[in-house]
PDB file of N, CA and C in Angstrom:
ATOM      1  N   MET A   1      -5.662 -15.767  -9.904  1.00  0.00           N
ATOM      2  CA  MET A   1      -4.260 -15.567 -10.251  1.00  0.00           C
ATOM      3  C   MET A   1      -3.469 -15.417  -8.952  1.00  0.00           C
ATOM      4  N   ASN A   2      -2.413 -16.169  -8.803  1.00  0.00           N
ATOM      5  CA  ASN A   2      -1.640 -16.090  -7.561  1.00  0.00           C
ATOM      6  C   ASN A   2      -0.613 -14.953  -7.604  1.00  0.00           C
ATOM      7  N   LEU A   3      -0.060 -14.662  -6.461  1.00  0.00           N
ATOM      8  CA  LEU A   3       0.853 -13.528  -6.341  1.00  0.00           C
ATOM      9  C   LEU A   3       2.068 -13.665  -7.249  1.00  0.00           C
ATOM     10  N   GLU A   4       2.580 -14.874  -7.390  1.00  0.00           N
ATOM     11  CA  GLU A   4       3.732 -15.081  -8.270  1.00  0.00           C
ATOM     12  C   GLU A   4       3.402 -14.698  -9.711  1.00  0.00           C
ATOM     13  N   LEU A   5       2.205 -15.040 -10.168  1.00  0.00           N
ATOM     14  CA  LEU A   5       1.805 -14.682 -11.524  1.00  0.00           C
ATOM     15  C   LEU A   5       1.619 -13.178 -11.677  1.00  0.00           C
ATOM     16  N   TRP A   6       1.065 -12.520 -10.650  1.00  0.00           N
ATOM     17  CA  TRP A   6       0.923 -11.060 -10.685  1.00  0.00           C
ATOM     18  C   TRP A   6       2.297 -10.427 -10.837  1.00  0.00           C
ATOM     19  N   HIS A   7       3.201 -10.861  -9.987  1.00  0.00           N
ATOM     20  CA  HIS A   7       4.551 -10.293 -10.000  1.00  0.00           C
ATOM     21  C   HIS A   7       5.203 -10.514 -11.344  1.00  0.00           C
ATOM     22  N   SER A   8       5.094 -11.705 -11.866  1.00  0.00           N
ATOM     23  CA  SER A   8       5.682 -12.039 -13.156  1.00  0.00           C
ATOM     24  C   SER A   8       5.099 -11.165 -14.268  1.00  0.00           C
ATOM     25  N   LEU A   9       3.787 -11.018 -14.286  1.00  0.00           N
ATOM     26  CA  LEU A   9       3.110 -10.196 -15.284  1.00  0.00           C
ATOM     27  C   LEU A   9       3.609  -8.759 -15.222  1.00  0.00           C
ATOM     28  N   LEU A  10       3.683  -8.210 -14.031  1.00  0.00           N
ATOM     29  CA  LEU A  10       4.129  -6.828 -13.877  1.00  0.00           C
ATOM     30  C   LEU A  10       5.620  -6.677 -14.168  1.00  0.00           C
ATOM     31  N   ALA A  11       6.421  -7.602 -13.690  1.00  0.00           N
ATOM     32  CA  ALA A  11       7.876  -7.525 -13.892  1.00  0.00           C
ATOM     33  C   ALA A  11       8.242  -7.586 -15.376  1.00  0.00           C
ATOM     34  N   ARG A  12       7.581  -8.477 -16.107  1.00  0.00           N
ATOM     35  CA  ARG A  12       7.852  -8.581 -17.547  1.00  0.00           C
ATOM     36  C   ARG A  12       7.577  -7.270 -18.271  1.00  0.00           C
ATOM     37  N   ASN A  13       6.692  -6.480 -17.706  1.00  0.00           N
ATOM     38  CA  ASN A  13       6.305  -5.214 -18.322  1.00  0.00           C
ATOM     39  C   ASN A  13       6.904  -4.008 -17.609  1.00  0.00           C
ATOM     40  N   LYS A  14       7.939  -4.265 -16.819  1.00  0.00           N
ATOM     41  CA  LYS A  14       8.722  -3.218 -16.157  1.00  0.00           C
ATOM     42  C   LYS A  14       7.902  -2.329 -15.206  1.00  0.00           C
ATOM     43  N   VAL A  15       6.916  -2.953 -14.541  1.00  0.00           N
ATOM     44  CA  VAL A  15       6.157  -2.267 -13.491  1.00  0.00           C
ATOM     45  C   VAL A  15       6.707  -2.790 -12.173  1.00  0.00           C
ATOM     46  N   ASN A  16       7.228  -1.895 -11.354  1.00  0.00           N
ATOM     47  CA  ASN A  16       7.853  -2.273 -10.095  1.00  0.00           C
ATOM     48  C   ASN A  16       6.844  -2.221  -8.951  1.00  0.00           C
ATOM     49  N   ILE A  17       6.786  -3.286  -8.160  1.00  0.00           N
ATOM     50  CA  ILE A  17       5.938  -3.319  -6.974  1.00  0.00           C
ATOM     51  C   ILE A  17       6.730  -2.697  -5.825  1.00  0.00           C
ATOM     52  N   LEU A  18       6.208  -1.600  -5.274  1.00  0.00           N
ATOM     53  CA  LEU A  18       6.879  -0.889  -4.189  1.00  0.00           C
ATOM     54  C   LEU A  18       6.463  -1.414  -2.823  1.00  0.00           C
ATOM     55  N   ALA A  19       5.208  -1.883  -2.724  1.00  0.00           N
ATOM     56  CA  ALA A  19       4.688  -2.452  -1.484  1.00  0.00           C
ATOM     57  C   ALA A  19       3.558  -3.405  -1.835  1.00  0.00           C
ATOM     58  N   VAL A  20       3.366  -4.419  -0.982  1.00  0.00           N
ATOM     59  CA  VAL A  20       2.309  -5.403  -1.232  1.00  0.00           C
ATOM     60  C   VAL A  20       1.721  -5.862   0.094  1.00  0.00           C
ATOM     61  N   SER A  21       0.419  -6.114   0.069  1.00  0.00           N
ATOM     62  CA  SER A  21      -0.296  -6.678   1.208  1.00  0.00           C
ATOM     63  C   SER A  21      -1.251  -7.720   0.642  1.00  0.00           C
ATOM     64  N   VAL A  22      -1.277  -8.897   1.258  1.00  0.00           N
ATOM     65  CA  VAL A  22      -2.155  -9.972   0.790  1.00  0.00           C
ATOM     66  C   VAL A  22      -2.988 -10.461   1.969  1.00  0.00           C
ATOM     67  N   ASP A  23      -4.313 -10.476   1.773  1.00  0.00           N
ATOM     68  CA  ASP A  23      -5.242 -10.984   2.782  1.00  0.00           C
ATOM     69  C   ASP A  23      -6.000 -12.157   2.192  1.00  0.00           C
ATOM     70  N   ASN A  24      -6.087 -13.246   2.938  1.00  0.00           N
ATOM     71  CA  ASN A  24      -6.837 -14.420   2.513  1.00  0.00           C
ATOM     72  C   ASN A  24      -8.179 -14.414   3.235  1.00  0.00           C
ATOM     73  N   ILE A  25      -9.248 -14.286   2.468  1.00  0.00           N
ATOM     74  CA  ILE A  25     -10.593 -14.239   3.046  1.00  0.00           C
ATOM     75  C   ILE A  25     -11.394 -15.414   2.482  1.00  0.00           C
ATOM     76  N   VAL A  26     -11.504 -16.483   3.251  1.00  0.00           N
ATOM     77  CA  VAL A  26     -12.224 -17.714   2.914  1.00  0.00           C
ATOM     78  C   VAL A  26     -11.896 -18.182   1.499  1.00  0.00           C
ATOM     79  N   ASP A  27     -12.747 -17.896   0.524  1.00  0.00           N
ATOM     80  CA  ASP A  27     -12.552 -18.416  -0.830  1.00  0.00           C
ATOM     81  C   ASP A  27     -11.933 -17.418  -1.795  1.00  0.00           C
ATOM     82  N   GLN A  28     -11.501 -16.295  -1.291  1.00  0.00           N
ATOM     83  CA  GLN A  28     -10.895 -15.303  -2.170  1.00  0.00           C
ATOM     84  C   GLN A  28      -9.803 -14.554  -1.415  1.00  0.00           C
ATOM     85  N   GLY A  29      -9.079 -13.750  -2.124  1.00  0.00           N
ATOM     86  CA  GLY A  29      -8.031 -12.971  -1.490  1.00  0.00           C
ATOM     87  C   GLY A  29      -8.087 -11.530  -1.940  1.00  0.00           C
ATOM     88  N   ILE A  30      -7.479 -10.678  -1.145  1.00  0.00           N
ATOM     89  CA  ILE A  30      -7.335  -9.275  -1.503  1.00  0.00           C
ATOM     90  C   ILE A  30      -5.843  -8.998  -1.597  1.00  0.00           C
ATOM     91  N   VAL A  31      -5.423  -8.544  -2.759  1.00  0.00           N
ATOM     92  CA  VAL A  31      -4.026  -8.188  -2.972  1.00  0.00           C
ATOM     93  C   VAL A  31      -3.977  -6.673  -3.156  1.00  0.00           C
ATOM     94  N   ARG A  32      -3.240  -6.023  -2.287  1.00  0.00           N
ATOM     95  CA  ARG A  32      -3.064  -4.578  -2.399  1.00  0.00           C
ATOM     96  C   ARG A  32      -1.646  -4.329  -2.885  1.00  0.00           C
ATOM     97  N   LEU A  33      -1.546  -3.582  -3.958  1.00  0.00           N
ATOM     98  CA  LEU A  33      -0.241  -3.289  -4.538  1.00  0.00           C
ATOM     99  C   LEU A  33      -0.030  -1.787  -4.640  1.00  0.00           C
ATOM    100  N   LEU A  34       1.153  -1.367  -4.308  1.00  0.00           N
ATOM    101  CA  LEU A  34       1.597  -0.013  -4.585  1.00  0.00           C
ATOM    102  C   LEU A  34       2.664  -0.176  -5.656  1.00  0.00           C
ATOM    103  N   VAL A  35       2.417   0.394  -6.833  1.00  0.00           N
ATOM    104  CA  VAL A  35       3.337   0.221  -7.956  1.00  0.00           C
ATOM    105  C   VAL A  35       3.860   1.569  -8.434  1.00  0.00           C
ATOM    106  N   ASP A  36       4.944   1.513  -9.193  1.00  0.00           N
ATOM    107  CA  ASP A  36       5.523   2.762  -9.687  1.00  0.00           C
ATOM    108  C   ASP A  36       4.827   3.283 -10.948  1.00  0.00           C
ATOM    109  N   LYS A  37       4.058   2.434 -11.633  1.00  0.00           N
ATOM    110  CA  LYS A  37       3.362   2.836 -12.862  1.00  0.00           C
ATOM    111  C   LYS A  37       1.930   2.319 -12.799  1.00  0.00           C
ATOM    112  N   THR A  38       1.040   3.147 -12.278  1.00  0.00           N
ATOM    113  CA  THR A  38      -0.332   2.710 -12.025  1.00  0.00           C
ATOM    114  C   THR A  38      -1.092   2.366 -13.296  1.00  0.00           C
ATOM    115  N   GLU A  39      -1.120   3.264 -14.265  1.00  0.00           N
ATOM    116  CA  GLU A  39      -1.921   3.034 -15.475  1.00  0.00           C
ATOM    117  C   GLU A  39      -1.510   1.767 -16.214  1.00  0.00           C
ATOM    118  N   PRO A  40      -0.216   1.543 -16.480  1.00  0.00           N
ATOM    119  CA  PRO A  40       0.159   0.292 -17.143  1.00  0.00           C
ATOM    120  C   PRO A  40      -0.211  -0.942 -16.321  1.00  0.00           C
ATOM    121  N   ALA A  41      -0.082  -0.857 -14.994  1.00  0.00           N
ATOM    122  CA  ALA A  41      -0.425  -1.995 -14.134  1.00  0.00           C
ATOM    123  C   ALA A  41      -1.904  -2.325 -14.251  1.00  0.00           C
ATOM    124  N   VAL A  42      -2.756  -1.312 -14.234  1.00  0.00           N
ATOM    125  CA  VAL A  42      -4.200  -1.525 -14.348  1.00  0.00           C
ATOM    126  C   VAL A  42      -4.534  -2.163 -15.693  1.00  0.00           C
ATOM    127  N   LYS A  43      -3.942  -1.664 -16.756  1.00  0.00           N
ATOM    128  CA  LYS A  43      -4.202  -2.221 -18.099  1.00  0.00           C
ATOM    129  C   LYS A  43      -3.775  -3.683 -18.176  1.00  0.00           C
ATOM    130  N   LEU A  44      -2.608  -3.991 -17.625  1.00  0.00           N
ATOM    131  CA  LEU A  44      -2.123  -5.374 -17.638  1.00  0.00           C
ATOM    132  C   LEU A  44      -3.051  -6.297 -16.862  1.00  0.00           C
ATOM    133  N   MET A  45      -3.491  -5.852 -15.705  1.00  0.00           N
ATOM    134  CA  MET A  45      -4.378  -6.673 -14.885  1.00  0.00           C
ATOM    135  C   MET A  45      -5.715  -6.914 -15.575  1.00  0.00           C
ATOM    136  N   LYS A  46      -6.257  -5.880 -16.194  1.00  0.00           N
ATOM    137  CA  LYS A  46      -7.523  -6.039 -16.916  1.00  0.00           C
ATOM    138  C   LYS A  46      -7.365  -7.018 -18.074  1.00  0.00           C
ATOM    139  N   ARG A  47      -6.260  -6.906 -18.804  1.00  0.00           N
ATOM    140  CA  ARG A  47      -5.999  -7.844 -19.908  1.00  0.00           C
ATOM    141  C   ARG A  47      -5.886  -9.277 -19.416  1.00  0.00           C
ATOM    142  N   ALA A  48      -5.425  -9.436 -18.165  1.00  0.00           N
ATOM    143  CA  ALA A  48      -5.268 -10.771 -17.590  1.00  0.00           C
ATOM    144  C   ALA A  48      -6.580 -11.281 -16.978  1.00  0.00           C
ATOM    145  N   GLY A  49      -7.660 -10.494 -17.124  1.00  0.00           N
ATOM    146  CA  GLY A  49      -8.958 -10.925 -16.618  1.00  0.00           C
ATOM    147  C   GLY A  49      -9.224 -10.574 -15.173  1.00  0.00           C
ATOM    148  N   LEU A  50      -8.425  -9.702 -14.622  1.00  0.00           N
ATOM    149  CA  LEU A  50      -8.606  -9.282 -13.236  1.00  0.00           C
ATOM    150  C   LEU A  50      -9.444  -8.005 -13.190  1.00  0.00           C
ATOM    151  N   SER A  51      -9.936  -7.681 -12.027  1.00  0.00           N
ATOM    152  CA  SER A  51     -10.748  -6.473 -11.848  1.00  0.00           C
ATOM    153  C   SER A  51     -10.094  -5.564 -10.806  1.00  0.00           C
ATOM    154  N   PRO A  52      -9.067  -4.831 -11.196  1.00  0.00           N
ATOM    155  CA  PRO A  52      -8.392  -3.974 -10.225  1.00  0.00           C
ATOM    156  C   PRO A  52      -9.294  -2.827  -9.768  1.00  0.00           C
ATOM    157  N   VAL A  53      -9.144  -2.453  -8.512  1.00  0.00           N
ATOM    158  CA  VAL A  53      -9.870  -1.330  -7.936  1.00  0.00           C
ATOM    159  C   VAL A  53      -8.816  -0.337  -7.451  1.00  0.00           C
ATOM    160  N   LEU A  54      -8.920   0.892  -7.911  1.00  0.00           N
ATOM    161  CA  LEU A  54      -7.968   1.925  -7.493  1.00  0.00           C
ATOM    162  C   LEU A  54      -8.481   2.629  -6.247  1.00  0.00           C
ATOM    163  N   THR A  55      -7.597   2.838  -5.286  1.00  0.00           N
ATOM    164  CA  THR A  55      -7.936   3.595  -4.091  1.00  0.00           C
ATOM    165  C   THR A  55      -6.838   4.609  -3.821  1.00  0.00           C
ATOM    166  N   THR A  56      -7.220   5.690  -3.211  1.00  0.00           N
ATOM    167  CA  THR A  56      -6.252   6.709  -2.836  1.00  0.00           C
ATOM    168  C   THR A  56      -5.644   6.326  -1.498  1.00  0.00           C
ATOM    169  N   VAL A  57      -4.339   6.322  -1.449  1.00  0.00           N
ATOM    170  CA  VAL A  57      -3.624   6.011  -0.215  1.00  0.00           C
ATOM    171  C   VAL A  57      -2.611   7.113   0.059  1.00  0.00           C
ATOM    172  N   VAL A  58      -2.149   7.148   1.282  1.00  0.00           N
ATOM    173  CA  VAL A  58      -1.094   8.077   1.681  1.00  0.00           C
ATOM    174  C   VAL A  58       0.152   7.235   1.931  1.00  0.00           C
ATOM    175  N   VAL A  59       1.222   7.557   1.244  1.00  0.00           N
ATOM    176  CA  VAL A  59       2.475   6.811   1.373  1.00  0.00           C
ATOM    177  C   VAL A  59       3.482   7.701   2.086  1.00  0.00           C
ATOM    178  N   LYS A  60       4.012   7.184   3.177  1.00  0.00           N
ATOM    179  CA  LYS A  60       4.951   7.970   3.979  1.00  0.00           C
ATOM    180  C   LYS A  60       6.163   7.142   4.363  1.00  0.00           C
ATOM    181  N   LYS A  61       7.278   7.812   4.468  1.00  0.00           N
ATOM    182  CA  LYS A  61       8.471   7.206   5.049  1.00  0.00           C
ATOM    183  C   LYS A  61       8.581   7.745   6.468  1.00  0.00           C
ATOM    184  N   LEU A  62       8.597   6.824   7.419  1.00  0.00           N
ATOM    185  CA  LEU A  62       8.745   7.200   8.823  1.00  0.00           C
ATOM    186  C   LEU A  62      10.058   6.644   9.343  1.00  0.00           C
ATOM    187  N   ARG A  63      10.598   7.277  10.364  1.00  0.00           N
ATOM    188  CA  ARG A  63      11.814   6.739  10.987  1.00  0.00           C
ATOM    189  C   ARG A  63      11.538   5.329  11.475  1.00  0.00           C
ATOM    190  N   ASP A  64      12.456   4.430  11.216  1.00  0.00           N
ATOM    191  CA  ASP A  64      12.303   3.044  11.656  1.00  0.00           C
ATOM    192  C   ASP A  64      12.753   2.950  13.109  1.00  0.00           C
ATOM    193  N   GLN A  65      11.834   3.326  14.002  1.00  0.00           N
ATOM    194  CA  GLN A  65      12.119   3.263  15.428  1.00  0.00           C
ATOM    195  C   GLN A  65      10.814   3.019  16.168  1.00  0.00           C
ATOM    196  N   ALA A  66      10.930   2.470  17.342  1.00  0.00           N
ATOM    197  CA  ALA A  66       9.754   2.178  18.165  1.00  0.00           C
ATOM    198  C   ALA A  66       8.944   3.450  18.381  1.00  0.00           C
ATOM    199  N   GLY A  67       7.632   3.361  18.142  1.00  0.00           N
ATOM    200  CA  GLY A  67       6.729   4.475  18.389  1.00  0.00           C
ATOM    201  C   GLY A  67       6.379   5.329  17.188  1.00  0.00           C
ATOM    202  N   SER A  68       7.075   5.170  16.073  1.00  0.00           N
ATOM    203  CA  SER A  68       6.788   6.011  14.897  1.00  0.00           C
ATOM    204  C   SER A  68       5.358   5.820  14.395  1.00  0.00           C
ATOM    205  N   LEU A  69       4.927   4.586  14.260  1.00  0.00           N
ATOM    206  CA  LEU A  69       3.571   4.322  13.787  1.00  0.00           C
ATOM    207  C   LEU A  69       2.547   4.803  14.819  1.00  0.00           C
ATOM    208  N   SER A  70       2.826   4.576  16.082  1.00  0.00           N
ATOM    209  CA  SER A  70       1.924   5.007  17.150  1.00  0.00           C
ATOM    210  C   SER A  70       1.729   6.523  17.131  1.00  0.00           C
ATOM    211  N   ARG A  71       2.797   7.267  16.948  1.00  0.00           N
ATOM    212  CA  ARG A  71       2.695   8.736  16.898  1.00  0.00           C
ATOM    213  C   ARG A  71       1.846   9.179  15.705  1.00  0.00           C
ATOM    214  N   SER A  72       2.035   8.530  14.573  1.00  0.00           N
ATOM    215  CA  SER A  72       1.253   8.873  13.376  1.00  0.00           C
ATOM    216  C   SER A  72      -0.222   8.547  13.586  1.00  0.00           C
ATOM    217  N   ALA A  73      -0.500   7.379  14.154  1.00  0.00           N
ATOM    218  CA  ALA A  73      -1.890   6.981  14.419  1.00  0.00           C
ATOM    219  C   ALA A  73      -2.548   7.941  15.403  1.00  0.00           C
ATOM    220  N   ARG A  74      -1.807   8.392  16.403  1.00  0.00           N
ATOM    221  CA  ARG A  74      -2.341   9.331  17.390  1.00  0.00           C
ATOM    222  C   ARG A  74      -2.709  10.658  16.722  1.00  0.00           C
ATOM    223  N   LYS A  75      -1.843  11.149  15.823  1.00  0.00           N
ATOM    224  CA  LYS A  75      -2.139  12.396  15.103  1.00  0.00           C
ATOM    225  C   LYS A  75      -3.418  12.260  14.287  1.00  0.00           C
ATOM    226  N   LEU A  76      -3.559  11.120  13.617  1.00  0.00           N
ATOM    227  CA  LEU A  76      -4.755  10.903  12.807  1.00  0.00           C
ATOM    228  C   LEU A  76      -5.992  10.808  13.692  1.00  0.00           C
ATOM    229  N   SER A  77      -5.872  10.112  14.796  1.00  0.00           N
ATOM    230  CA  SER A  77      -6.996   9.963  15.722  1.00  0.00           C
ATOM    231  C   SER A  77      -7.454  11.312  16.257  1.00  0.00           C
ATOM    232  N   ARG A  78      -6.510  12.132  16.663  1.00  0.00           N
ATOM    233  CA  ARG A  78      -6.848  13.463  17.196  1.00  0.00           C
ATOM    234  C   ARG A  78      -7.548  14.331  16.152  1.00  0.00           C
ATOM    235  N   ALA A  79      -7.218  14.092  14.874  1.00  0.00           N
ATOM    236  CA  ALA A  79      -7.847  14.846  13.784  1.00  0.00           C
ATOM    237  C   ALA A  79      -9.124  14.159  13.292  1.00  0.00           C
ATOM    238  N   ARG A  80      -9.531  13.101  13.988  1.00  0.00           N
ATOM    239  CA  ARG A  80     -10.734  12.328  13.643  1.00  0.00           C
ATOM    240  C   ARG A  80     -10.661  11.734  12.236  1.00  0.00           C
ATOM    241  N   ILE A  81      -9.479  11.258  11.882  1.00  0.00           N
ATOM    242  CA  ILE A  81      -9.271  10.582  10.602  1.00  0.00           C
ATOM    243  C   ILE A  81      -9.178   9.089  10.876  1.00  0.00           C
ATOM    244  N   ASN A  82     -10.078   8.327  10.282  1.00  0.00           N
ATOM    245  CA  ASN A  82     -10.090   6.876  10.471  1.00  0.00           C
ATOM    246  C   ASN A  82      -9.048   6.210   9.593  1.00  0.00           C
ATOM    247  N   ILE A  83      -8.381   5.205  10.140  1.00  0.00           N
ATOM    248  CA  ILE A  83      -7.450   4.384   9.370  1.00  0.00           C
ATOM    249  C   ILE A  83      -8.201   3.119   8.969  1.00  0.00           C
ATOM    250  N   ASP A  84      -8.401   2.918   7.672  1.00  0.00           N
ATOM    251  CA  ASP A  84      -9.049   1.705   7.175  1.00  0.00           C
ATOM    252  C   ASP A  84      -8.062   0.542   7.206  1.00  0.00           C
ATOM    253  N   TYR A  85      -6.853   0.803   6.752  1.00  0.00           N
ATOM    254  CA  TYR A  85      -5.779  -0.182   6.857  1.00  0.00           C
ATOM    255  C   TYR A  85      -4.444   0.520   6.658  1.00  0.00           C
ATOM    256  N   VAL A  86      -3.402  -0.162   7.105  1.00  0.00           N
ATOM    257  CA  VAL A  86      -2.040   0.322   6.926  1.00  0.00           C
ATOM    258  C   VAL A  86      -1.141  -0.893   6.751  1.00  0.00           C
ATOM    259  N   TYR A  87      -0.173  -0.781   5.859  1.00  0.00           N
ATOM    260  CA  TYR A  87       0.821  -1.833   5.704  1.00  0.00           C
ATOM    261  C   TYR A  87       2.148  -1.213   5.292  1.00  0.00           C
ATOM    262  N   GLY A  88       3.201  -1.951   5.489  1.00  0.00           N
ATOM    263  CA  GLY A  88       4.512  -1.461   5.111  1.00  0.00           C
ATOM    264  C   GLY A  88       5.600  -2.185   5.858  1.00  0.00           C
ATOM    265  N   SER A  89       6.829  -1.781   5.612  1.00  0.00           N
ATOM    266  CA  SER A  89       7.955  -2.372   6.327  1.00  0.00           C
ATOM    267  C   SER A  89       9.220  -1.579   6.032  1.00  0.00           C
ATOM    268  N   ALA A  90      10.248  -1.935   6.761  1.00  0.00           N
ATOM    269  CA  ALA A  90      11.580  -1.359   6.543  1.00  0.00           C
ATOM    270  C   ALA A  90      12.527  -2.508   6.250  1.00  0.00           C
ATOM    271  N   GLY A  91      13.471  -2.267   5.409  1.00  0.00           N
ATOM    272  CA  GLY A  91      14.493  -3.280   5.165  1.00  0.00           C
ATOM    273  C   GLY A  91      15.411  -3.382   6.371  1.00  0.00           C
ATOM    274  N   VAL A  92      16.026  -4.502   6.518  1.00  0.00           N
ATOM    275  CA  VAL A  92      16.947  -4.717   7.634  1.00  0.00           C
ATOM    276  C   VAL A  92      18.053  -3.662   7.581  1.00  0.00           C
ATOM    277  N   GLY A  93      18.253  -2.992   8.699  1.00  0.00           N
ATOM    278  CA  GLY A  93      19.305  -1.983   8.786  1.00  0.00           C
ATOM    279  C   GLY A  93      18.951  -0.635   8.187  1.00  0.00           C
ATOM    280  N   GLN A  94      17.722  -0.473   7.707  1.00  0.00           N
ATOM    281  CA  GLN A  94      17.311   0.805   7.120  1.00  0.00           C
ATOM    282  C   GLN A  94      16.909   1.783   8.216  1.00  0.00           C
ATOM    283  N   LYS A  95      17.002   3.067   7.925  1.00  0.00           N
ATOM    284  CA  LYS A  95      16.644   4.094   8.905  1.00  0.00           C
ATOM    285  C   LYS A  95      15.190   4.534   8.767  1.00  0.00           C
ATOM    286  N   GLU A  96      14.557   4.168   7.642  1.00  0.00           N
ATOM    287  CA  GLU A  96      13.178   4.558   7.404  1.00  0.00           C
ATOM    288  C   GLU A  96      12.333   3.351   7.025  1.00  0.00           C
ATOM    289  N   ALA A  97      11.047   3.446   7.362  1.00  0.00           N
ATOM    290  CA  ALA A  97      10.066   2.440   6.971  1.00  0.00           C
ATOM    291  C   ALA A  97       9.101   3.086   5.984  1.00  0.00           C
ATOM    292  N   LEU A  98       8.705   2.343   4.968  1.00  0.00           N
ATOM    293  CA  LEU A  98       7.710   2.809   4.015  1.00  0.00           C
ATOM    294  C   LEU A  98       6.356   2.294   4.485  1.00  0.00           C
ATOM    295  N   LEU A  99       5.404   3.207   4.716  1.00  0.00           N
ATOM    296  CA  LEU A  99       4.074   2.818   5.178  1.00  0.00           C
ATOM    297  C   LEU A  99       3.017   3.333   4.225  1.00  0.00           C
ATOM    298  N   VAL A 100       2.010   2.503   3.996  1.00  0.00           N
ATOM    299  CA  VAL A 100       0.896   2.832   3.110  1.00  0.00           C
ATOM    300  C   VAL A 100      -0.358   2.901   3.973  1.00  0.00           C
ATOM    301  N   PHE A 101      -0.998   4.058   4.014  1.00  0.00           N
ATOM    302  CA  PHE A 101      -2.191   4.284   4.825  1.00  0.00           C
ATOM    303  C   PHE A 101      -3.406   4.478   3.926  1.00  0.00           C
ATOM    304  N   ARG A 102      -4.480   3.755   4.201  1.00  0.00           N
ATOM    305  CA  ARG A 102      -5.783   4.028   3.575  1.00  0.00           C
ATOM    306  C   ARG A 102      -6.602   4.672   4.678  1.00  0.00           C
ATOM    307  N   VAL A 103      -6.960   5.946   4.471  1.00  0.00           N
ATOM    308  CA  VAL A 103      -7.606   6.726   5.522  1.00  0.00           C
ATOM    309  C   VAL A 103      -8.848   7.442   4.994  1.00  0.00           C
ATOM    310  N   SER A 104      -9.653   7.938   5.921  1.00  0.00           N
ATOM    311  CA  SER A 104     -10.895   8.611   5.560  1.00  0.00           C
ATOM    312  C   SER A 104     -10.681   9.995   4.945  1.00  0.00           C
ATOM    313  N   ASP A 105      -9.561  10.632   5.231  1.00  0.00           N
ATOM    314  CA  ASP A 105      -9.265  11.961   4.667  1.00  0.00           C
ATOM    315  C   ASP A 105      -7.791  11.997   4.252  1.00  0.00           C
ATOM    316  N   PRO A 106      -7.489  11.492   3.028  1.00  0.00           N
ATOM    317  CA  PRO A 106      -6.098  11.398   2.599  1.00  0.00           C
ATOM    318  C   PRO A 106      -5.364  12.751   2.528  1.00  0.00           C
ATOM    319  N   VAL A 107      -6.057  13.794   2.118  1.00  0.00           N
ATOM    320  CA  VAL A 107      -5.402  15.101   1.982  1.00  0.00           C
ATOM    321  C   VAL A 107      -4.944  15.616   3.348  1.00  0.00           C
ATOM    322  N   LYS A 108      -5.843  15.552   4.308  1.00  0.00           N
ATOM    323  CA  LYS A 108      -5.506  16.018   5.663  1.00  0.00           C
ATOM    324  C   LYS A 108      -4.453  15.115   6.305  1.00  0.00           C
ATOM    325  N   ALA A 109      -4.598  13.799   6.101  1.00  0.00           N
ATOM    326  CA  ALA A 109      -3.632  12.852   6.669  1.00  0.00           C
ATOM    327  C   ALA A 109      -2.238  13.079   6.115  1.00  0.00           C
ATOM    328  N   ASP A 110      -2.165  13.380   4.830  1.00  0.00           N
ATOM    329  CA  ASP A 110      -0.858  13.614   4.196  1.00  0.00           C
ATOM    330  C   ASP A 110      -0.147  14.795   4.837  1.00  0.00           C
ATOM    331  N   ARG A 111      -0.899  15.798   5.219  1.00  0.00           N
ATOM    332  CA  ARG A 111      -0.306  16.975   5.886  1.00  0.00           C
ATOM    333  C   ARG A 111       0.124  16.667   7.313  1.00  0.00           C
ATOM    334  N   LEU A 112      -0.644  15.809   7.998  1.00  0.00           N
ATOM    335  CA  LEU A 112      -0.394  15.551   9.415  1.00  0.00           C
ATOM    336  C   LEU A 112       0.769  14.601   9.692  1.00  0.00           C
ATOM    337  N   ILE A 113       0.941  13.631   8.829  1.00  0.00           N
ATOM    338  CA  ILE A 113       1.949  12.594   9.096  1.00  0.00           C
ATOM    339  C   ILE A 113       3.311  13.052   8.574  1.00  0.00           C
TER     340      ILE A 113
END
């Protein structure tokens, strides 16, 4: 199922995608979605024949300025928290960026960032 179909399926059912990351790995892809209604999204995906996997992530708004991500990564590193992946962005002219972190210790990371 391509990203347009995912979006269409979720949009028709009033599930809003807050953030998305797409990775193309040879013959398959990984689509990471942050949505406003997790349970309905999972049910819809399963009905569509997909196999969603839920993971705990830390979602933060950081100031949209040079060095914000670096400072957050440094705090996590000093606390020995590994970053598995991070994605996000800020809209043009926005003062904050929305970032999604998958980390080894989400509870501690949430306090630090």
